[in-house]
Amino acid sequence: MAVRVLAPAKINLTLHVTGQRPDGYHLLDSLVIFGKAADVVQVRDAKILSLKVEGREAHDVPTGEDNLVLRAARLICKERGAEITLTKNLPVASGIGGGSADAAATLRALSALLNEPLPDRRQVLALGADVPVCLHKQPVRMQGVGECLSPTPEMPRNTGMLLVNPRVGLATPEVFRRLESRDNPPMPAEIPLFSDASELAEWLRCQRNDLESAAICLRPVIADVIRSIQKSGSLIARMSGSGATCFGLYASGEDAQLAQEKIRAAHPDWWTSWFDLAPMPSLS
């Protein structure tokens, strides 16, 4: 028997850096959603634990013992094996949680295959700050170092989103080291219910991604991506996570698809994916 689970792209619509703990971990406040583009994790019962990586984005994935998928698998496969196949469709080191989403999908797949409970929250968080949120199925507010997850109102329907990555990798620690301010205001206490894409975009314009400037200093092409999204007719354009993937918000899925076609024509080497913001895709 095989179990197959999707590992969808994680998008930070906002990313406020609100402090830093004595141990060095940064405190965050972020509104997170999930996209249509996804990696795929498939697991089968086996005598030993193994990982095979395939797919068009597999070439940049490290497959050593410290691979996040294997680290996640060892939390469940303590005395058992599993054959894991990761089909990599998301760019690596791109600010949309690819590795964390893969780890979360691995946990869910192995839990179903082996009829074992998911690891506790402390163990999941130890894999990375984005792994707990990637276990979540719906839009969520992520706070603390990733351990505080709060439900949010549904995202507005008839809203399109486009993801664009210029195919440059960006290590998250490197971006955080470039931060000039680590003690910034959080989001408002309450996230409102948005009636349409315009209301969401207007609210987002009053929020931030505090990592964006630092990431642009390291990879100036990110500014080019944002400008391209703005010129394509988006309501707002911003970087996701620690970059280099950026997103554009549109009044409809059709507008997002047309924008993708324009950007692909101008930059055929960039990675792109469009989707309707709601309803969110199933994670399994």
C-alpha atoms as a PDB file:
ATOM      1  CA  MET A   1       0.000   0.000   0.000  1.00  0.00           C
ATOM      2  CA  ALA A   2       1.146   3.522  -0.801  1.00  0.00           C
ATOM      3  CA  VAL A   3       0.022   6.815   0.721  1.00  0.00           C
ATOM      4  CA  ARG A   4       0.340   9.994  -1.360  1.00  0.00           C
ATOM      5  CA  VAL A   5       0.126  13.477   0.166  1.00  0.00           C
ATOM      6  CA  LEU A   6       0.464  16.927  -1.408  1.00  0.00           C
ATOM      7  CA  ALA A   7       2.908  19.457   0.031  1.00  0.00           C
ATOM      8  CA  PRO A   8       1.550  22.806  -1.205  1.00  0.00           C
ATOM      9  CA  ALA A   9       3.423  26.095  -1.417  1.00  0.00           C
ATOM     10  CA  LYS A  10       3.219  28.242   1.723  1.00  0.00           C
ATOM     11  CA  ILE A  11       2.722  31.942   1.047  1.00  0.00           C
ATOM     12  CA  ASN A  12       3.373  34.642   3.624  1.00  0.00           C
ATOM     13  CA  LEU A  13       0.961  37.438   2.741  1.00  0.00           C
ATOM     14  CA  THR A  14       2.567  39.352   5.600  1.00  0.00           C
ATOM     15  CA  LEU A  15       5.740  38.713   7.598  1.00  0.00           C
ATOM     16  CA  HIS A  16       6.392  41.013  10.551  1.00  0.00           C
ATOM     17  CA  VAL A  17       9.569  40.422  12.561  1.00  0.00           C
ATOM     18  CA  THR A  18       8.569  41.499  16.063  1.00  0.00           C
ATOM     19  CA  GLY A  19      11.580  40.558  18.183  1.00  0.00           C
ATOM     20  CA  GLN A  20      14.407  38.130  18.846  1.00  0.00           C
ATOM     21  CA  ARG A  21      14.748  35.685  21.716  1.00  0.00           C
ATOM     22  CA  PRO A  22      17.996  35.325  23.681  1.00  0.00           C
ATOM     23  CA  ASP A  23      18.617  32.007  21.895  1.00  0.00           C
ATOM     24  CA  GLY A  24      18.669  33.826  18.550  1.00  0.00           C
ATOM     25  CA  TYR A  25      15.269  32.707  17.224  1.00  0.00           C
ATOM     26  CA  HIS A  26      13.201  35.516  15.703  1.00  0.00           C
ATOM     27  CA  LEU A  27       9.623  36.257  16.740  1.00  0.00           C
ATOM     28  CA  LEU A  28       7.220  36.566  13.833  1.00  0.00           C
ATOM     29  CA  ASP A  29       3.671  37.612  13.066  1.00  0.00           C
ATOM     30  CA  SER A  30       2.510  36.355   9.674  1.00  0.00           C
ATOM     31  CA  LEU A  31      -0.670  35.726   7.709  1.00  0.00           C
ATOM     32  CA  VAL A  32      -0.108  32.464   5.836  1.00  0.00           C
ATOM     33  CA  ILE A  33      -2.059  30.790   3.044  1.00  0.00           C
ATOM     34  CA  PHE A  34      -1.348  27.824   0.764  1.00  0.00           C
ATOM     35  CA  GLY A  35      -1.167  27.665  -3.006  1.00  0.00           C
ATOM     36  CA  LYS A  36      -2.048  25.252  -5.780  1.00  0.00           C
ATOM     37  CA  ALA A  37       1.527  24.405  -6.756  1.00  0.00           C
ATOM     38  CA  ALA A  38       2.766  21.534  -4.627  1.00  0.00           C
ATOM     39  CA  ASP A  39       5.412  18.899  -4.146  1.00  0.00           C
ATOM     40  CA  VAL A  40       4.180  15.316  -3.724  1.00  0.00           C
ATOM     41  CA  VAL A  41       5.266  12.860  -1.039  1.00  0.00           C
ATOM     42  CA  GLN A  42       4.518   9.157  -1.496  1.00  0.00           C
ATOM     43  CA  VAL A  43       5.383   6.562   1.145  1.00  0.00           C
ATOM     44  CA  ARG A  44       5.370   2.765   1.139  1.00  0.00           C
ATOM     45  CA  ASP A  45       6.142   0.280   3.887  1.00  0.00           C
ATOM     46  CA  ALA A  46       9.711  -1.065   3.673  1.00  0.00           C
ATOM     47  CA  LYS A  47      12.380  -2.726   5.778  1.00  0.00           C
ATOM     48  CA  ILE A  48      14.657   0.327   5.802  1.00  0.00           C
ATOM     49  CA  LEU A  49      14.131   4.064   5.586  1.00  0.00           C
ATOM     50  CA  SER A  50      15.019   5.506   2.162  1.00  0.00           C
ATOM     51  CA  LEU A  51      14.390   8.647   0.145  1.00  0.00           C
ATOM     52  CA  LYS A  52      14.181   9.077  -3.619  1.00  0.00           C
ATOM     53  CA  VAL A  53      13.844  12.593  -5.057  1.00  0.00           C
ATOM     54  CA  GLU A  54      12.489  13.133  -8.560  1.00  0.00           C
ATOM     55  CA  GLY A  55      10.703  15.860 -10.526  1.00  0.00           C
ATOM     56  CA  ARG A  56      11.719  18.961 -12.450  1.00  0.00           C
ATOM     57  CA  GLU A  57      13.073  20.762  -9.348  1.00  0.00           C
ATOM     58  CA  ALA A  58      14.884  17.752  -7.875  1.00  0.00           C
ATOM     59  CA  HIS A  59      18.360  18.810  -8.968  1.00  0.00           C
ATOM     60  CA  ASP A  60      18.894  21.241  -6.063  1.00  0.00           C
ATOM     61  CA  VAL A  61      17.548  19.024  -3.272  1.00  0.00           C
ATOM     62  CA  PRO A  62      20.154  17.638  -0.824  1.00  0.00           C
ATOM     63  CA  THR A  63      19.517  13.957  -0.096  1.00  0.00           C
ATOM     64  CA  GLY A  64      21.852  13.360   2.848  1.00  0.00           C
ATOM     65  CA  GLU A  65      20.869  12.252   6.325  1.00  0.00           C
ATOM     66  CA  ASP A  66      20.063  15.859   7.301  1.00  0.00           C
ATOM     67  CA  ASN A  67      17.376  16.144   4.611  1.00  0.00           C
ATOM     68  CA  LEU A  68      14.249  17.540   6.287  1.00  0.00           C
ATOM     69  CA  VAL A  69      12.046  14.757   4.902  1.00  0.00           C
ATOM     70  CA  LEU A  70      14.283  12.100   6.458  1.00  0.00           C
ATOM     71  CA  ARG A  71      14.472  13.995   9.736  1.00  0.00           C
ATOM     72  CA  ALA A  72      10.673  14.139   9.830  1.00  0.00           C
ATOM     73  CA  ALA A  73      10.370  10.469   8.904  1.00  0.00           C
ATOM     74  CA  ARG A  74      12.645   9.400  11.753  1.00  0.00           C
ATOM     75  CA  LEU A  75      10.200  10.920  14.244  1.00  0.00           C
ATOM     76  CA  ILE A  76       7.646   8.285  13.220  1.00  0.00           C
ATOM     77  CA  CYS A  77       9.793   5.452  11.790  1.00  0.00           C
ATOM     78  CA  LYS A  78      11.679   4.830  15.019  1.00  0.00           C
ATOM     79  CA  GLU A  79      11.941   1.067  14.586  1.00  0.00           C
ATOM     80  CA  ARG A  80      10.407   0.664  11.134  1.00  0.00           C
ATOM     81  CA  GLY A  81      11.380   1.495   7.588  1.00  0.00           C
ATOM     82  CA  ALA A  82       9.633   3.315   4.769  1.00  0.00           C
ATOM     83  CA  GLU A  83      10.265   3.989   1.111  1.00  0.00           C
ATOM     84  CA  ILE A  84       9.729   7.697   0.514  1.00  0.00           C
ATOM     85  CA  THR A  85       9.466   9.294  -2.924  1.00  0.00           C
ATOM     86  CA  LEU A  86       9.488  13.075  -3.107  1.00  0.00           C
ATOM     87  CA  THR A  87       8.373  14.616  -6.389  1.00  0.00           C
ATOM     88  CA  LYS A  88       9.807  18.113  -6.325  1.00  0.00           C
ATOM     89  CA  ASN A  89       7.772  20.735  -8.198  1.00  0.00           C
ATOM     90  CA  LEU A  90       8.516  23.812  -6.060  1.00  0.00           C
ATOM     91  CA  PRO A  91      11.788  25.729  -6.376  1.00  0.00           C
ATOM     92  CA  VAL A  92      14.313  25.094  -3.611  1.00  0.00           C
ATOM     93  CA  ALA A  93      15.198  27.840  -1.082  1.00  0.00           C
ATOM     94  CA  SER A  94      12.457  30.053  -2.496  1.00  0.00           C
ATOM     95  CA  GLY A  95      10.479  31.416   0.465  1.00  0.00           C
ATOM     96  CA  ILE A  96       7.392  29.272  -0.065  1.00  0.00           C
ATOM     97  CA  GLY A  97       8.172  26.593   2.501  1.00  0.00           C
ATOM     98  CA  GLY A  98       9.079  23.779   0.121  1.00  0.00           C
ATOM     99  CA  GLY A  99      11.249  21.808   2.531  1.00  0.00           C
ATOM    100  CA  SER A 100       8.943  22.464   5.475  1.00  0.00           C
ATOM    101  CA  ALA A 101       5.886  21.509   3.422  1.00  0.00           C
ATOM    102  CA  ASP A 102       7.647  18.300   2.361  1.00  0.00           C
ATOM    103  CA  ALA A 103       8.423  17.470   6.000  1.00  0.00           C
ATOM    104  CA  ALA A 104       4.829  18.127   7.051  1.00  0.00           C
ATOM    105  CA  ALA A 105       3.493  15.982   4.198  1.00  0.00           C
ATOM    106  CA  THR A 106       5.894  13.206   5.175  1.00  0.00           C
ATOM    107  CA  LEU A 107       4.609  13.260   8.749  1.00  0.00           C
ATOM    108  CA  ARG A 108       1.017  13.078   7.577  1.00  0.00           C
ATOM    109  CA  ALA A 109       1.717  10.328   5.040  1.00  0.00           C
ATOM    110  CA  LEU A 110       3.677   8.112   7.428  1.00  0.00           C
ATOM    111  CA  SER A 111       1.117   8.624  10.185  1.00  0.00           C
ATOM    112  CA  ALA A 112      -1.564   7.300   7.839  1.00  0.00           C
ATOM    113  CA  LEU A 113       0.570   4.471   6.432  1.00  0.00           C
ATOM    114  CA  LEU A 114       1.837   3.156   9.761  1.00  0.00           C
ATOM    115  CA  ASN A 115      -1.186   4.097  11.872  1.00  0.00           C
ATOM    116  CA  GLU A 116       1.066   6.095  14.184  1.00  0.00           C
ATOM    117  CA  PRO A 117       0.233   9.427  15.861  1.00  0.00           C
ATOM    118  CA  LEU A 118       1.832  12.619  14.661  1.00  0.00           C
ATOM    119  CA  PRO A 119       4.798  13.814  16.754  1.00  0.00           C
ATOM    120  CA  ASP A 120       4.093  16.342  19.476  1.00  0.00           C
ATOM    121  CA  ARG A 121       4.267  20.070  18.774  1.00  0.00           C
ATOM    122  CA  ARG A 122       7.730  20.437  20.291  1.00  0.00           C
ATOM    123  CA  GLN A 123       9.178  17.778  17.977  1.00  0.00           C
ATOM    124  CA  VAL A 124       7.454  19.258  14.928  1.00  0.00           C
ATOM    125  CA  LEU A 125       8.705  22.758  15.731  1.00  0.00           C
ATOM    126  CA  ALA A 126      12.258  21.415  16.139  1.00  0.00           C
ATOM    127  CA  LEU A 127      12.189  20.523  12.425  1.00  0.00           C
ATOM    128  CA  GLY A 128      11.744  24.197  11.531  1.00  0.00           C
ATOM    129  CA  ALA A 129       9.564  27.210  12.232  1.00  0.00           C
ATOM    130  CA  ASP A 130       7.417  26.630   9.122  1.00  0.00           C
ATOM    131  CA  VAL A 131       6.698  22.927   9.672  1.00  0.00           C
ATOM    132  CA  PRO A 132       3.804  23.408  12.165  1.00  0.00           C
ATOM    133  CA  VAL A 133       2.039  25.881   9.867  1.00  0.00           C
ATOM    134  CA  CYS A 134       2.538  23.515   6.919  1.00  0.00           C
ATOM    135  CA  LEU A 135       0.596  20.860   8.842  1.00  0.00           C
ATOM    136  CA  HIS A 136      -2.337  23.296   8.786  1.00  0.00           C
ATOM    137  CA  LYS A 137      -4.934  23.151   5.993  1.00  0.00           C
ATOM    138  CA  GLN A 138      -6.381  26.645   6.046  1.00  0.00           C
ATOM    139  CA  PRO A 139      -5.255  30.274   6.184  1.00  0.00           C
ATOM    140  CA  VAL A 140      -3.683  30.864   9.581  1.00  0.00           C
ATOM    141  CA  ARG A 141      -1.975  33.538  11.646  1.00  0.00           C
ATOM    142  CA  MET A 142       1.479  32.341  12.693  1.00  0.00           C
ATOM    143  CA  GLN A 143       3.152  33.981  15.693  1.00  0.00           C
ATOM    144  CA  GLY A 144       6.047  33.413  18.069  1.00  0.00           C
ATOM    145  CA  VAL A 145       8.763  31.282  16.489  1.00  0.00           C
ATOM    146  CA  GLY A 146       6.121  29.368  14.548  1.00  0.00           C
ATOM    147  CA  GLU A 147       4.428  27.587  17.431  1.00  0.00           C
ATOM    148  CA  CYS A 148       1.407  29.895  17.860  1.00  0.00           C
ATOM    149  CA  LEU A 149      -1.204  29.255  15.174  1.00  0.00           C
ATOM    150  CA  SER A 150      -4.561  31.058  15.188  1.00  0.00           C
ATOM    151  CA  PRO A 151      -7.479  30.640  12.766  1.00  0.00           C
ATOM    152  CA  THR A 152      -8.278  33.560  10.495  1.00  0.00           C
ATOM    153  CA  PRO A 153     -11.356  34.509   8.478  1.00  0.00           C
ATOM    154  CA  GLU A 154     -11.685  32.831   5.082  1.00  0.00           C
ATOM    155  CA  MET A 155      -9.914  34.542   2.229  1.00  0.00           C
ATOM    156  CA  PRO A 156     -12.208  36.241  -0.315  1.00  0.00           C
ATOM    157  CA  ARG A 157     -13.421  34.106  -3.187  1.00  0.00           C
ATOM    158  CA  ASN A 158     -13.064  35.153  -6.815  1.00  0.00           C
ATOM    159  CA  THR A 159      -9.524  36.286  -6.024  1.00  0.00           C
ATOM    160  CA  GLY A 160      -6.501  35.326  -8.087  1.00  0.00           C
ATOM    161  CA  MET A 161      -2.899  34.963  -7.030  1.00  0.00           C
ATOM    162  CA  LEU A 162       0.297  34.581  -9.022  1.00  0.00           C
ATOM    163  CA  LEU A 163       3.609  33.276  -7.688  1.00  0.00           C
ATOM    164  CA  VAL A 164       6.826  34.237  -9.481  1.00  0.00           C
ATOM    165  CA  ASN A 165      10.348  33.038  -8.688  1.00  0.00           C
ATOM    166  CA  PRO A 166      13.374  34.279 -10.674  1.00  0.00           C
ATOM    167  CA  ARG A 167      15.195  30.999 -10.014  1.00  0.00           C
ATOM    168  CA  VAL A 168      17.732  32.336  -7.567  1.00  0.00           C
ATOM    169  CA  GLY A 169      18.174  30.577  -4.235  1.00  0.00           C
ATOM    170  CA  LEU A 170      18.196  32.510  -0.978  1.00  0.00           C
ATOM    171  CA  ALA A 171      19.142  31.067   2.408  1.00  0.00           C
ATOM    172  CA  THR A 172      16.856  32.255   5.209  1.00  0.00           C
ATOM    173  CA  PRO A 173      19.654  32.753   7.803  1.00  0.00           C
ATOM    174  CA  GLU A 174      21.492  34.954   5.317  1.00  0.00           C
ATOM    175  CA  VAL A 175      18.444  37.205   4.958  1.00  0.00           C
ATOM    176  CA  PHE A 176      17.910  37.482   8.706  1.00  0.00           C
ATOM    177  CA  ARG A 177      21.544  38.500   9.159  1.00  0.00           C
ATOM    178  CA  ARG A 178      20.912  41.478   6.862  1.00  0.00           C
ATOM    179  CA  LEU A 179      17.931  42.725   8.899  1.00  0.00           C
ATOM    180  CA  GLU A 180      18.357  46.286  10.139  1.00  0.00           C
ATOM    181  CA  SER A 181      15.427  46.177  12.591  1.00  0.00           C
ATOM    182  CA  ARG A 182      14.366  43.101  14.572  1.00  0.00           C
ATOM    183  CA  ASP A 183      11.760  44.704  16.838  1.00  0.00           C
ATOM    184  CA  ASN A 184       8.929  45.861  14.591  1.00  0.00           C
ATOM    185  CA  PRO A 185       5.187  46.313  15.208  1.00  0.00           C
ATOM    186  CA  PRO A 186       2.964  43.217  14.825  1.00  0.00           C
ATOM    187  CA  MET A 187      -0.144  42.998  12.687  1.00  0.00           C
ATOM    188  CA  PRO A 188      -3.397  44.399  14.136  1.00  0.00           C
ATOM    189  CA  ALA A 189      -4.940  42.295  16.890  1.00  0.00           C
ATOM    190  CA  GLU A 190      -7.862  41.304  14.664  1.00  0.00           C
ATOM    191  CA  ILE A 191      -7.687  40.279  11.004  1.00  0.00           C
ATOM    192  CA  PRO A 192     -10.948  41.373   9.336  1.00  0.00           C
ATOM    193  CA  LEU A 193     -13.197  39.420   6.995  1.00  0.00           C
ATOM    194  CA  PHE A 194     -12.489  40.649   3.471  1.00  0.00           C
ATOM    195  CA  SER A 195     -15.378  40.875   1.026  1.00  0.00           C
ATOM    196  CA  ASP A 196     -13.229  40.882  -2.111  1.00  0.00           C
ATOM    197  CA  ALA A 197      -9.686  41.047  -3.447  1.00  0.00           C
ATOM    198  CA  SER A 198      -9.606  44.859  -3.336  1.00  0.00           C
ATOM    199  CA  GLU A 199     -10.346  44.914   0.394  1.00  0.00           C
ATOM    200  CA  LEU A 200      -7.667  42.299   1.044  1.00  0.00           C
ATOM    201  CA  ALA A 201      -5.122  44.224  -1.041  1.00  0.00           C
ATOM    202  CA  GLU A 202      -5.951  47.493   0.730  1.00  0.00           C
ATOM    203  CA  TRP A 203      -5.399  45.835   4.126  1.00  0.00           C
ATOM    204  CA  LEU A 204      -2.173  44.187   2.983  1.00  0.00           C
ATOM    205  CA  ARG A 205      -0.784  47.544   1.853  1.00  0.00           C
ATOM    206  CA  CYS A 206      -0.813  48.583   5.525  1.00  0.00           C
ATOM    207  CA  GLN A 207       1.166  45.455   6.507  1.00  0.00           C
ATOM    208  CA  ARG A 208       4.725  44.413   5.634  1.00  0.00           C
ATOM    209  CA  ASN A 209       7.265  41.747   4.860  1.00  0.00           C
ATOM    210  CA  ASP A 210      10.134  42.901   7.036  1.00  0.00           C
ATOM    211  CA  LEU A 211      12.561  40.620   5.191  1.00  0.00           C
ATOM    212  CA  GLU A 212      11.920  42.098   1.756  1.00  0.00           C
ATOM    213  CA  SER A 213      14.510  44.899   1.829  1.00  0.00           C
ATOM    214  CA  ALA A 214      17.232  42.617   3.157  1.00  0.00           C
ATOM    215  CA  ALA A 215      16.446  40.006   0.513  1.00  0.00           C
ATOM    216  CA  ILE A 216      16.559  42.597  -2.283  1.00  0.00           C
ATOM    217  CA  CYS A 217      19.991  43.716  -1.075  1.00  0.00           C
ATOM    218  CA  LEU A 218      21.177  40.123  -1.482  1.00  0.00           C
ATOM    219  CA  ARG A 219      19.279  39.363  -4.702  1.00  0.00           C
ATOM    220  CA  PRO A 220      18.381  42.607  -6.563  1.00  0.00           C
ATOM    221  CA  VAL A 221      16.396  40.610  -9.135  1.00  0.00           C
ATOM    222  CA  ILE A 222      13.618  40.349  -6.530  1.00  0.00           C
ATOM    223  CA  ALA A 223      12.863  44.031  -7.136  1.00  0.00           C
ATOM    224  CA  ASP A 224      12.581  43.240 -10.865  1.00  0.00           C
ATOM    225  CA  VAL A 225      10.094  40.475 -10.089  1.00  0.00           C
ATOM    226  CA  ILE A 226       7.957  42.789  -7.954  1.00  0.00           C
ATOM    227  CA  ARG A 227       7.942  45.440 -10.683  1.00  0.00           C
ATOM    228  CA  SER A 228       6.956  42.859 -13.301  1.00  0.00           C
ATOM    229  CA  ILE A 229       4.033  41.719 -11.146  1.00  0.00           C
ATOM    230  CA  GLN A 230       2.936  45.306 -10.568  1.00  0.00           C
ATOM    231  CA  LYS A 231       3.015  46.021 -14.310  1.00  0.00           C
ATOM    232  CA  SER A 232       0.928  42.913 -14.996  1.00  0.00           C
ATOM    233  CA  GLY A 233      -2.116  44.505 -13.335  1.00  0.00           C
ATOM    234  CA  SER A 234      -1.864  43.204  -9.786  1.00  0.00           C
ATOM    235  CA  LEU A 235      -3.629  44.873  -6.878  1.00  0.00           C
ATOM    236  CA  ILE A 236      -0.510  44.395  -4.769  1.00  0.00           C
ATOM    237  CA  ALA A 237       2.887  42.718  -5.225  1.00  0.00           C
ATOM    238  CA  ARG A 238       5.117  41.516  -2.394  1.00  0.00           C
ATOM    239  CA  MET A 239       7.799  38.981  -1.535  1.00  0.00           C
ATOM    240  CA  SER A 240       6.817  35.784   0.299  1.00  0.00           C
ATOM    241  CA  GLY A 241       8.812  34.518   3.267  1.00  0.00           C
ATOM    242  CA  SER A 242      12.539  35.112   2.952  1.00  0.00           C
ATOM    243  CA  GLY A 243      12.355  35.129  -0.872  1.00  0.00           C
ATOM    244  CA  ALA A 244      12.991  35.038  -3.659  1.00  0.00           C
ATOM    245  CA  THR A 245       9.414  34.050  -4.619  1.00  0.00           C
ATOM    246  CA  CYS A 246       7.015  37.001  -4.886  1.00  0.00           C
ATOM    247  CA  PHE A 247       3.244  37.074  -5.214  1.00  0.00           C
ATOM    248  CA  GLY A 248       0.689  39.242  -6.930  1.00  0.00           C
ATOM    249  CA  LEU A 249      -2.955  39.553  -5.909  1.00  0.00           C
ATOM    250  CA  TYR A 250      -5.603  39.982  -8.637  1.00  0.00           C
ATOM    251  CA  ALA A 251      -9.319  40.671  -8.890  1.00  0.00           C
ATOM    252  CA  SER A 252      -9.928  37.228 -10.416  1.00  0.00           C
ATOM    253  CA  GLY A 253      -8.240  33.982 -11.301  1.00  0.00           C
ATOM    254  CA  GLU A 254      -8.530  34.918 -14.964  1.00  0.00           C
ATOM    255  CA  ASP A 255      -6.545  38.104 -14.324  1.00  0.00           C
ATOM    256  CA  ALA A 256      -3.862  36.086 -12.526  1.00  0.00           C
ATOM    257  CA  GLN A 257      -3.652  33.628 -15.424  1.00  0.00           C
ATOM    258  CA  LEU A 258      -3.322  36.456 -17.963  1.00  0.00           C
ATOM    259  CA  ALA A 259      -0.596  38.026 -15.829  1.00  0.00           C
ATOM    260  CA  GLN A 260       1.262  34.719 -15.767  1.00  0.00           C
ATOM    261  CA  GLU A 261       1.172  34.587 -19.567  1.00  0.00           C
ATOM    262  CA  LYS A 262       2.592  38.132 -19.819  1.00  0.00           C
ATOM    263  CA  ILE A 263       5.400  37.461 -17.354  1.00  0.00           C
ATOM    264  CA  ARG A 264       6.242  34.098 -18.934  1.00  0.00           C
ATOM    265  CA  ALA A 265       6.537  35.758 -22.322  1.00  0.00           C
ATOM    266  CA  ALA A 266       8.931  38.373 -20.958  1.00  0.00           C
ATOM    267  CA  HIS A 267      10.840  36.021 -18.632  1.00  0.00           C
ATOM    268  CA  PRO A 268      10.545  32.422 -19.860  1.00  0.00           C
ATOM    269  CA  ASP A 269      13.235  31.293 -17.418  1.00  0.00           C
ATOM    270  CA  TRP A 270      11.244  32.372 -14.319  1.00  0.00           C
ATOM    271  CA  TRP A 271       9.090  29.877 -12.393  1.00  0.00           C
ATOM    272  CA  THR A 272       5.411  30.853 -12.139  1.00  0.00           C
ATOM    273  CA  SER A 273       2.162  29.447 -10.777  1.00  0.00           C
ATOM    274  CA  TRP A 274      -1.309  31.001 -10.570  1.00  0.00           C
ATOM    275  CA  PHE A 275      -4.365  29.894  -8.591  1.00  0.00           C
ATOM    276  CA  ASP A 276      -7.683  31.022  -7.157  1.00  0.00           C
ATOM    277  CA  LEU A 277      -7.188  32.122  -3.572  1.00  0.00           C
ATOM    278  CA  ALA A 278     -10.236  30.263  -2.264  1.00  0.00           C
ATOM    279  CA  PRO A 279     -11.279  27.565  -1.788  1.00  0.00           C
ATOM    280  CA  MET A 280      -7.905  26.276  -0.647  1.00  0.00           C
ATOM    281  CA  PRO A 281      -6.669  22.965  -2.094  1.00  0.00           C
ATOM    282  CA  SER A 282      -6.836  19.747  -0.129  1.00  0.00           C
ATOM    283  CA  LEU A 283      -3.536  18.727   1.385  1.00  0.00           C
ATOM    284  CA  SER A 284      -4.055  15.003   0.796  1.00  0.00           C
END
